Amino acid sequence: MLSIRKNGNNTPSLPGLFEDFLNRELFNWGNSNFSSTITTVPSINIKETDDNYEVEVAAPGLDKKDFNVSLDNNLLTISCTKSVSQEDKGENNSYNRREFSYQSFHRSFELPNVVNEDYINAHYENGLLNLTIPKKEQAKQKEPKLIEIK
């Protein structure tokens, strides 16, 4: 929606329209106008339930093939590498524009020695990488046991 500034007599101010348009970051070349990736570390949420650890990684714009998830001696590592290259050729196959971008991150978390690594599940959909890391049976919280007094 376009916002129109009004001057004191409630009529739209034409300089205000141009000022609003020109103040947008159309000519800021550093704001990734030419890059389809962002080079930041994604946010990660970790939740513990009675049966699982649930890890949620916010990583929009990636594909599931870009991720590498590993568990080694209770060290969970989530990493990603993505590179994009674009070329626009003009006459005589000379370059008019050639751009490339590279994005990667690496996050590691030490898990307690209670995970059942044989049943870890990872799923990427709608920009979220979800991992479900089940706990071993002996680590699951059990109902309190009522002890009879004799």
N, C-alpha and C. Protein backbone atom coordinates (compact mmCIF):
# COMPACT_ATOMS: atom_id res chain seq x y z
N MET A 1 0.85 -1.17 0.00
CA MET A 1 0.00 0.00 0.00
C MET A 1 0.89 1.23 0.00
N LEU A 2 0.55 2.21 -0.77
CA LEU A 2 1.30 3.45 -0.88
C LEU A 2 0.77 4.43 0.15
N SER A 3 1.65 4.96 0.97
CA SER A 3 1.20 5.96 1.94
C SER A 3 1.43 7.35 1.35
N ILE A 4 0.45 8.18 1.47
CA ILE A 4 0.53 9.55 0.95
C ILE A 4 0.54 10.51 2.14
N ARG A 5 1.55 11.35 2.17
CA ARG A 5 1.60 12.36 3.23
C ARG A 5 0.72 13.53 2.85
N LYS A 6 0.15 14.12 3.84
CA LYS A 6 -0.71 15.28 3.60
C LYS A 6 -0.10 16.50 4.27
N ASN A 7 -0.30 17.62 3.63
CA ASN A 7 0.20 18.85 4.25
C ASN A 7 -0.88 19.39 5.18
N GLY A 8 -0.68 20.55 5.72
CA GLY A 8 -1.59 21.12 6.71
C GLY A 8 -3.02 21.27 6.25
N ASN A 9 -3.31 21.44 4.96
CA ASN A 9 -4.67 21.64 4.50
C ASN A 9 -5.29 20.33 3.97
N ASN A 10 -4.75 19.20 4.41
CA ASN A 10 -5.28 17.86 4.09
C ASN A 10 -5.28 17.52 2.60
N THR A 11 -4.42 18.12 1.81
CA THR A 11 -4.27 17.72 0.42
C THR A 11 -2.94 16.98 0.29
N PRO A 12 -2.88 16.00 -0.57
CA PRO A 12 -1.62 15.26 -0.70
C PRO A 12 -0.49 16.17 -1.13
N SER A 13 0.66 15.93 -0.54
CA SER A 13 1.86 16.71 -0.86
C SER A 13 2.68 15.93 -1.88
N LEU A 14 2.82 16.49 -3.08
CA LEU A 14 3.56 15.81 -4.14
C LEU A 14 5.02 15.59 -3.78
N PRO A 15 5.72 16.55 -3.17
CA PRO A 15 7.10 16.26 -2.77
C PRO A 15 7.16 15.11 -1.77
N GLY A 16 6.13 14.96 -0.95
CA GLY A 16 6.09 13.85 0.00
C GLY A 16 6.03 12.51 -0.71
N LEU A 17 5.30 12.44 -1.82
CA LEU A 17 5.23 11.20 -2.59
C LEU A 17 6.59 10.83 -3.14
N PHE A 18 7.30 11.81 -3.71
CA PHE A 18 8.62 11.54 -4.27
C PHE A 18 9.61 11.19 -3.17
N GLU A 19 9.51 11.87 -2.04
CA GLU A 19 10.41 11.62 -0.93
C GLU A 19 10.23 10.19 -0.43
N ASP A 20 8.98 9.74 -0.31
CA ASP A 20 8.71 8.38 0.13
C ASP A 20 9.29 7.37 -0.86
N PHE A 21 9.11 7.62 -2.14
CA PHE A 21 9.62 6.72 -3.17
C PHE A 21 11.15 6.68 -3.17
N LEU A 22 11.78 7.83 -3.08
CA LEU A 22 13.23 7.90 -3.16
C LEU A 22 13.92 7.42 -1.89
N ASN A 23 13.22 7.43 -0.76
CA ASN A 23 13.82 6.97 0.48
C ASN A 23 13.86 5.44 0.58
N ARG A 24 13.20 4.77 -0.32
CA ARG A 24 13.27 3.30 -0.32
C ARG A 24 14.65 2.88 -0.77
N GLU A 25 15.02 1.66 -0.46
CA GLU A 25 16.38 1.20 -0.72
C GLU A 25 16.55 0.64 -2.13
N LEU A 26 16.04 1.34 -3.12
CA LEU A 26 16.15 0.85 -4.49
C LEU A 26 17.58 0.88 -5.00
N PHE A 27 18.37 1.83 -4.53
CA PHE A 27 19.71 1.99 -5.06
C PHE A 27 20.78 1.61 -4.04
N ASN A 28 20.39 0.89 -3.02
CA ASN A 28 21.35 0.42 -2.03
C ASN A 28 21.87 -0.94 -2.50
N TRP A 29 23.02 -0.98 -3.16
CA TRP A 29 23.53 -2.21 -3.75
C TRP A 29 24.01 -3.18 -2.70
N GLY A 30 24.21 -2.75 -1.49
CA GLY A 30 24.67 -3.65 -0.44
C GLY A 30 23.56 -4.41 0.25
N ASN A 31 22.34 -4.24 -0.13
CA ASN A 31 21.24 -4.90 0.58
C ASN A 31 20.81 -6.20 -0.09
N SER A 32 21.71 -6.87 -0.77
CA SER A 32 21.50 -8.15 -1.45
C SER A 32 20.43 -8.10 -2.52
N ASN A 33 20.37 -6.98 -3.26
CA ASN A 33 19.46 -6.92 -4.40
C ASN A 33 19.82 -7.95 -5.46
N PHE A 34 21.11 -8.29 -5.58
CA PHE A 34 21.53 -9.23 -6.61
C PHE A 34 21.75 -10.62 -6.05
N SER A 35 21.64 -10.81 -4.77
CA SER A 35 21.89 -12.12 -4.18
C SER A 35 20.59 -12.74 -3.72
N SER A 36 20.42 -14.00 -4.02
CA SER A 36 19.21 -14.69 -3.58
C SER A 36 19.42 -15.38 -2.24
N THR A 37 20.60 -15.24 -1.64
CA THR A 37 20.86 -15.86 -0.35
C THR A 37 21.31 -14.79 0.64
N ILE A 38 21.19 -15.12 1.90
CA ILE A 38 21.60 -14.23 2.98
C ILE A 38 22.66 -14.97 3.79
N THR A 39 23.71 -14.31 4.19
CA THR A 39 24.80 -14.97 4.90
C THR A 39 24.69 -14.73 6.39
N THR A 40 23.69 -15.31 7.00
CA THR A 40 23.53 -15.23 8.44
C THR A 40 23.34 -16.63 9.00
N VAL A 41 23.54 -16.77 10.28
CA VAL A 41 23.32 -18.04 10.95
C VAL A 41 21.84 -18.11 11.33
N PRO A 42 21.16 -19.19 10.95
CA PRO A 42 19.72 -19.26 11.21
C PRO A 42 19.42 -19.44 12.69
N SER A 43 18.24 -19.02 13.07
CA SER A 43 17.78 -19.21 14.44
C SER A 43 17.40 -20.66 14.64
N ILE A 44 17.65 -21.15 15.85
CA ILE A 44 17.36 -22.55 16.17
C ILE A 44 16.60 -22.61 17.48
N ASN A 45 15.51 -23.35 17.49
CA ASN A 45 14.74 -23.61 18.70
C ASN A 45 14.94 -25.06 19.09
N ILE A 46 15.16 -25.30 20.38
CA ILE A 46 15.31 -26.66 20.89
C ILE A 46 14.29 -26.84 22.01
N LYS A 47 13.53 -27.90 21.90
CA LYS A 47 12.48 -28.18 22.88
C LYS A 47 12.65 -29.61 23.37
N GLU A 48 12.50 -29.80 24.68
CA GLU A 48 12.56 -31.14 25.24
C GLU A 48 11.17 -31.56 25.69
N THR A 49 10.73 -32.72 25.23
CA THR A 49 9.48 -33.30 25.69
C THR A 49 9.82 -34.55 26.51
N ASP A 50 8.82 -35.23 26.99
CA ASP A 50 9.07 -36.45 27.76
C ASP A 50 9.76 -37.52 26.93
N ASP A 51 9.45 -37.58 25.63
CA ASP A 51 9.95 -38.65 24.77
C ASP A 51 11.06 -38.23 23.81
N ASN A 52 11.16 -36.93 23.48
CA ASN A 52 12.06 -36.49 22.41
C ASN A 52 12.74 -35.17 22.75
N TYR A 53 13.76 -34.89 21.94
CA TYR A 53 14.27 -33.54 21.78
C TYR A 53 13.81 -33.11 20.40
N GLU A 54 13.29 -31.90 20.28
CA GLU A 54 12.83 -31.40 19.00
C GLU A 54 13.63 -30.16 18.64
N VAL A 55 14.25 -30.18 17.47
CA VAL A 55 15.09 -29.08 17.01
C VAL A 55 14.43 -28.49 15.77
N GLU A 56 14.31 -27.17 15.76
CA GLU A 56 13.68 -26.46 14.65
C GLU A 56 14.65 -25.40 14.16
N VAL A 57 15.03 -25.47 12.89
CA VAL A 57 15.99 -24.54 12.29
C VAL A 57 15.26 -23.70 11.24
N ALA A 58 15.27 -22.38 11.41
CA ALA A 58 14.64 -21.47 10.45
C ALA A 58 15.65 -21.18 9.34
N ALA A 59 15.42 -21.80 8.17
CA ALA A 59 16.36 -21.66 7.05
C ALA A 59 15.60 -21.56 5.74
N PRO A 60 14.89 -20.45 5.52
CA PRO A 60 14.13 -20.32 4.27
C PRO A 60 15.04 -20.13 3.06
N GLY A 61 14.53 -20.54 1.91
CA GLY A 61 15.25 -20.34 0.67
C GLY A 61 16.27 -21.43 0.36
N LEU A 62 16.33 -22.46 1.19
CA LEU A 62 17.27 -23.55 0.95
C LEU A 62 16.51 -24.79 0.50
N ASP A 63 17.26 -25.78 0.06
CA ASP A 63 16.69 -27.07 -0.30
C ASP A 63 17.19 -28.11 0.69
N LYS A 64 16.47 -29.21 0.81
CA LYS A 64 16.89 -30.23 1.77
C LYS A 64 18.24 -30.83 1.40
N LYS A 65 18.60 -30.80 0.12
CA LYS A 65 19.90 -31.32 -0.31
C LYS A 65 21.06 -30.42 0.13
N ASP A 66 20.77 -29.18 0.55
CA ASP A 66 21.82 -28.27 1.00
C ASP A 66 22.30 -28.57 2.42
N PHE A 67 21.52 -29.35 3.19
CA PHE A 67 21.82 -29.61 4.60
C PHE A 67 22.64 -30.87 4.80
N ASN A 68 23.42 -30.86 5.87
CA ASN A 68 24.11 -32.04 6.35
C ASN A 68 23.88 -32.09 7.86
N VAL A 69 23.27 -33.17 8.34
CA VAL A 69 23.00 -33.34 9.76
C VAL A 69 23.70 -34.61 10.21
N SER A 70 24.48 -34.49 11.29
CA SER A 70 25.20 -35.67 11.79
C SER A 70 25.19 -35.69 13.31
N LEU A 71 25.33 -36.88 13.84
CA LEU A 71 25.46 -37.07 15.30
C LEU A 71 26.67 -37.94 15.53
N ASP A 72 27.65 -37.39 16.24
CA ASP A 72 28.89 -38.12 16.51
C ASP A 72 29.22 -37.95 17.99
N ASN A 73 29.18 -39.06 18.74
CA ASN A 73 29.45 -39.03 20.18
C ASN A 73 28.64 -37.95 20.90
N ASN A 74 27.34 -37.94 20.64
CA ASN A 74 26.38 -37.01 21.25
C ASN A 74 26.57 -35.56 20.81
N LEU A 75 27.37 -35.31 19.79
CA LEU A 75 27.52 -33.97 19.23
C LEU A 75 26.68 -33.88 17.96
N LEU A 76 25.57 -33.15 18.04
CA LEU A 76 24.69 -32.94 16.89
C LEU A 76 25.22 -31.77 16.10
N THR A 77 25.48 -31.99 14.81
CA THR A 77 25.99 -30.94 13.95
C THR A 77 25.05 -30.74 12.78
N ILE A 78 24.62 -29.49 12.60
CA ILE A 78 23.77 -29.11 11.48
C ILE A 78 24.57 -28.11 10.66
N SER A 79 24.77 -28.44 9.38
CA SER A 79 25.52 -27.52 8.52
C SER A 79 24.81 -27.41 7.18
N CYS A 80 25.16 -26.36 6.47
CA CYS A 80 24.53 -26.09 5.18
C CYS A 80 25.52 -25.35 4.30
N THR A 81 25.51 -25.69 3.02
CA THR A 81 26.31 -24.99 2.03
C THR A 81 25.47 -24.82 0.78
N LYS A 82 25.39 -23.58 0.30
CA LYS A 82 24.65 -23.32 -0.93
C LYS A 82 25.39 -22.25 -1.72
N SER A 83 25.57 -22.51 -3.00
CA SER A 83 26.17 -21.49 -3.86
C SER A 83 25.28 -21.31 -5.08
N VAL A 84 25.19 -20.08 -5.54
CA VAL A 84 24.36 -19.73 -6.68
C VAL A 84 25.21 -18.91 -7.64
N SER A 85 25.10 -19.21 -8.92
CA SER A 85 25.85 -18.47 -9.92
C SER A 85 24.89 -18.07 -11.03
N GLN A 86 25.04 -16.83 -11.49
CA GLN A 86 24.17 -16.33 -12.55
C GLN A 86 25.01 -15.53 -13.53
N GLU A 87 24.78 -15.78 -14.82
CA GLU A 87 25.52 -15.07 -15.85
C GLU A 87 24.55 -14.51 -16.87
N ASP A 88 24.78 -13.29 -17.27
CA ASP A 88 24.05 -12.67 -18.37
C ASP A 88 25.07 -12.30 -19.43
N LYS A 89 24.98 -12.95 -20.59
CA LYS A 89 25.95 -12.70 -21.65
C LYS A 89 25.34 -11.80 -22.71
N GLY A 90 26.15 -10.94 -23.25
CA GLY A 90 25.72 -10.03 -24.30
C GLY A 90 26.25 -10.48 -25.65
N GLU A 91 26.50 -9.53 -26.50
CA GLU A 91 27.05 -9.82 -27.83
C GLU A 91 28.44 -10.42 -27.71
N ASN A 92 28.80 -11.27 -28.65
CA ASN A 92 30.12 -11.91 -28.73
C ASN A 92 30.45 -12.71 -27.47
N ASN A 93 29.42 -13.19 -26.76
CA ASN A 93 29.60 -13.97 -25.53
C ASN A 93 30.41 -13.26 -24.46
N SER A 94 30.44 -11.94 -24.49
CA SER A 94 31.10 -11.20 -23.42
C SER A 94 30.08 -11.01 -22.29
N TYR A 95 30.57 -10.88 -21.08
CA TYR A 95 29.69 -10.76 -19.93
C TYR A 95 29.12 -9.36 -19.80
N ASN A 96 27.82 -9.27 -19.67
CA ASN A 96 27.19 -8.03 -19.26
C ASN A 96 27.12 -7.98 -17.74
N ARG A 97 26.83 -9.15 -17.17
CA ARG A 97 26.74 -9.24 -15.72
C ARG A 97 27.03 -10.68 -15.32
N ARG A 98 27.85 -10.86 -14.32
CA ARG A 98 28.15 -12.18 -13.78
C ARG A 98 28.17 -12.05 -12.27
N GLU A 99 27.32 -12.83 -11.62
CA GLU A 99 27.21 -12.74 -10.17
C GLU A 99 27.20 -14.12 -9.56
N PHE A 100 27.68 -14.19 -8.34
CA PHE A 100 27.62 -15.44 -7.60
C PHE A 100 27.46 -15.10 -6.13
N SER A 101 26.87 -16.02 -5.41
CA SER A 101 26.73 -15.86 -3.97
C SER A 101 26.99 -17.20 -3.31
N TYR A 102 27.38 -17.14 -2.07
CA TYR A 102 27.72 -18.33 -1.31
C TYR A 102 27.17 -18.17 0.09
N GLN A 103 26.53 -19.22 0.58
CA GLN A 103 25.98 -19.19 1.92
C GLN A 103 26.32 -20.48 2.63
N SER A 104 26.76 -20.37 3.86
CA SER A 104 27.02 -21.57 4.65
C SER A 104 26.86 -21.25 6.12
N PHE A 105 26.55 -22.27 6.88
CA PHE A 105 26.55 -22.14 8.33
C PHE A 105 26.87 -23.50 8.92
N HIS A 106 27.23 -23.48 10.19
CA HIS A 106 27.62 -24.69 10.91
C HIS A 106 27.24 -24.48 12.37
N ARG A 107 26.35 -25.31 12.89
CA ARG A 107 25.95 -25.22 14.30
C ARG A 107 26.10 -26.59 14.93
N SER A 108 26.65 -26.65 16.14
CA SER A 108 26.82 -27.91 16.86
C SER A 108 26.26 -27.78 18.27
N PHE A 109 25.66 -28.89 18.73
CA PHE A 109 25.06 -28.94 20.06
C PHE A 109 25.42 -30.27 20.70
N GLU A 110 25.81 -30.22 21.96
CA GLU A 110 26.10 -31.46 22.66
C GLU A 110 24.82 -31.94 23.33
N LEU A 111 24.42 -33.16 22.97
CA LEU A 111 23.21 -33.75 23.53
C LEU A 111 23.59 -34.64 24.70
N PRO A 112 22.68 -34.78 25.65
CA PRO A 112 22.97 -35.70 26.76
C PRO A 112 23.08 -37.14 26.24
N ASN A 113 23.68 -37.98 27.01
CA ASN A 113 23.93 -39.36 26.59
C ASN A 113 22.67 -40.22 26.73
N VAL A 114 21.54 -39.71 26.30
CA VAL A 114 20.28 -40.43 26.45
C VAL A 114 19.49 -40.50 25.15
N VAL A 115 20.10 -40.18 24.02
CA VAL A 115 19.35 -40.16 22.77
C VAL A 115 19.45 -41.51 22.07
N ASN A 116 18.39 -41.85 21.39
CA ASN A 116 18.33 -43.08 20.61
C ASN A 116 18.65 -42.71 19.17
N GLU A 117 19.92 -42.74 18.83
CA GLU A 117 20.38 -42.22 17.54
C GLU A 117 19.89 -43.03 16.35
N ASP A 118 19.42 -44.22 16.56
CA ASP A 118 18.93 -45.05 15.45
C ASP A 118 17.59 -44.55 14.90
N TYR A 119 16.88 -43.72 15.65
CA TYR A 119 15.54 -43.30 15.23
C TYR A 119 15.41 -41.79 15.06
N ILE A 120 16.51 -41.10 14.82
CA ILE A 120 16.45 -39.65 14.59
C ILE A 120 15.79 -39.41 13.24
N ASN A 121 14.88 -38.42 13.21
CA ASN A 121 14.12 -38.11 12.01
C ASN A 121 14.34 -36.64 11.65
N ALA A 122 14.62 -36.34 10.38
CA ALA A 122 14.80 -34.96 9.91
C ALA A 122 13.85 -34.71 8.75
N HIS A 123 13.25 -33.52 8.74
CA HIS A 123 12.27 -33.17 7.71
C HIS A 123 12.39 -31.68 7.41
N TYR A 124 12.49 -31.31 6.12
CA TYR A 124 12.58 -29.90 5.72
C TYR A 124 11.36 -29.55 4.89
N GLU A 125 10.62 -28.52 5.35
CA GLU A 125 9.43 -28.07 4.63
C GLU A 125 9.15 -26.61 4.97
N ASN A 126 8.79 -25.83 3.96
CA ASN A 126 8.41 -24.42 4.13
C ASN A 126 9.45 -23.61 4.90
N GLY A 127 10.72 -23.84 4.63
CA GLY A 127 11.78 -23.05 5.25
C GLY A 127 12.17 -23.48 6.64
N LEU A 128 11.62 -24.59 7.14
CA LEU A 128 11.96 -25.08 8.47
C LEU A 128 12.54 -26.49 8.39
N LEU A 129 13.70 -26.66 9.00
CA LEU A 129 14.28 -27.98 9.16
C LEU A 129 13.90 -28.46 10.55
N ASN A 130 13.16 -29.56 10.62
CA ASN A 130 12.71 -30.12 11.90
C ASN A 130 13.40 -31.44 12.15
N LEU A 131 13.99 -31.56 13.33
CA LEU A 131 14.62 -32.81 13.74
C LEU A 131 13.90 -33.32 14.99
N THR A 132 13.59 -34.61 14.98
CA THR A 132 13.03 -35.25 16.17
C THR A 132 14.05 -36.27 16.63
N ILE A 133 14.54 -36.09 17.85
CA ILE A 133 15.59 -36.93 18.40
C ILE A 133 15.01 -37.66 19.60
N PRO A 134 14.65 -38.94 19.43
CA PRO A 134 14.02 -39.66 20.53
C PRO A 134 15.00 -39.99 21.65
N LYS A 135 14.47 -40.05 22.85
CA LYS A 135 15.26 -40.43 24.01
C LYS A 135 15.23 -41.95 24.16
N LYS A 136 16.28 -42.47 24.80
CA LYS A 136 16.28 -43.89 25.13
C LYS A 136 15.19 -44.15 26.17
N GLU A 137 14.71 -45.36 26.19
CA GLU A 137 13.59 -45.71 27.07
C GLU A 137 13.91 -45.42 28.54
N GLN A 138 15.13 -45.72 28.98
CA GLN A 138 15.48 -45.50 30.38
C GLN A 138 15.59 -44.02 30.74
N ALA A 139 15.67 -43.13 29.74
CA ALA A 139 15.79 -41.70 30.01
C ALA A 139 14.43 -41.00 30.05
N LYS A 140 13.39 -41.68 29.59
CA LYS A 140 12.07 -41.06 29.58
C LYS A 140 11.55 -40.93 30.99
N GLN A 141 10.92 -39.81 31.24
CA GLN A 141 10.39 -39.55 32.57
C GLN A 141 9.19 -40.45 32.82
N LYS A 142 9.21 -41.11 33.96
CA LYS A 142 8.15 -42.05 34.29
C LYS A 142 7.22 -41.42 35.32
N GLU A 143 6.03 -41.98 35.35
CA GLU A 143 5.06 -41.53 36.35
C GLU A 143 5.60 -41.82 37.74
N PRO A 144 5.32 -40.95 38.70
CA PRO A 144 5.75 -41.24 40.06
C PRO A 144 5.10 -42.53 40.55
N LYS A 145 5.89 -43.30 41.25
CA LYS A 145 5.40 -44.58 41.78
C LYS A 145 5.00 -44.38 43.23
N LEU A 146 3.82 -44.82 43.53
CA LEU A 146 3.33 -44.72 44.90
C LEU A 146 3.80 -45.94 45.67
N ILE A 147 4.48 -45.70 46.74
CA ILE A 147 5.03 -46.78 47.53
C ILE A 147 4.13 -47.02 48.74
N GLU A 148 3.70 -48.26 48.84
CA GLU A 148 2.80 -48.62 49.93
C GLU A 148 3.56 -48.73 51.23
N ILE A 149 3.02 -48.18 52.26
CA ILE A 149 3.64 -48.24 53.60
C ILE A 149 3.03 -49.43 54.33
N LYS A 150 3.84 -50.31 54.83
CA LYS A 150 3.36 -51.51 55.53
C LYS A 150 3.52 -51.37 57.01
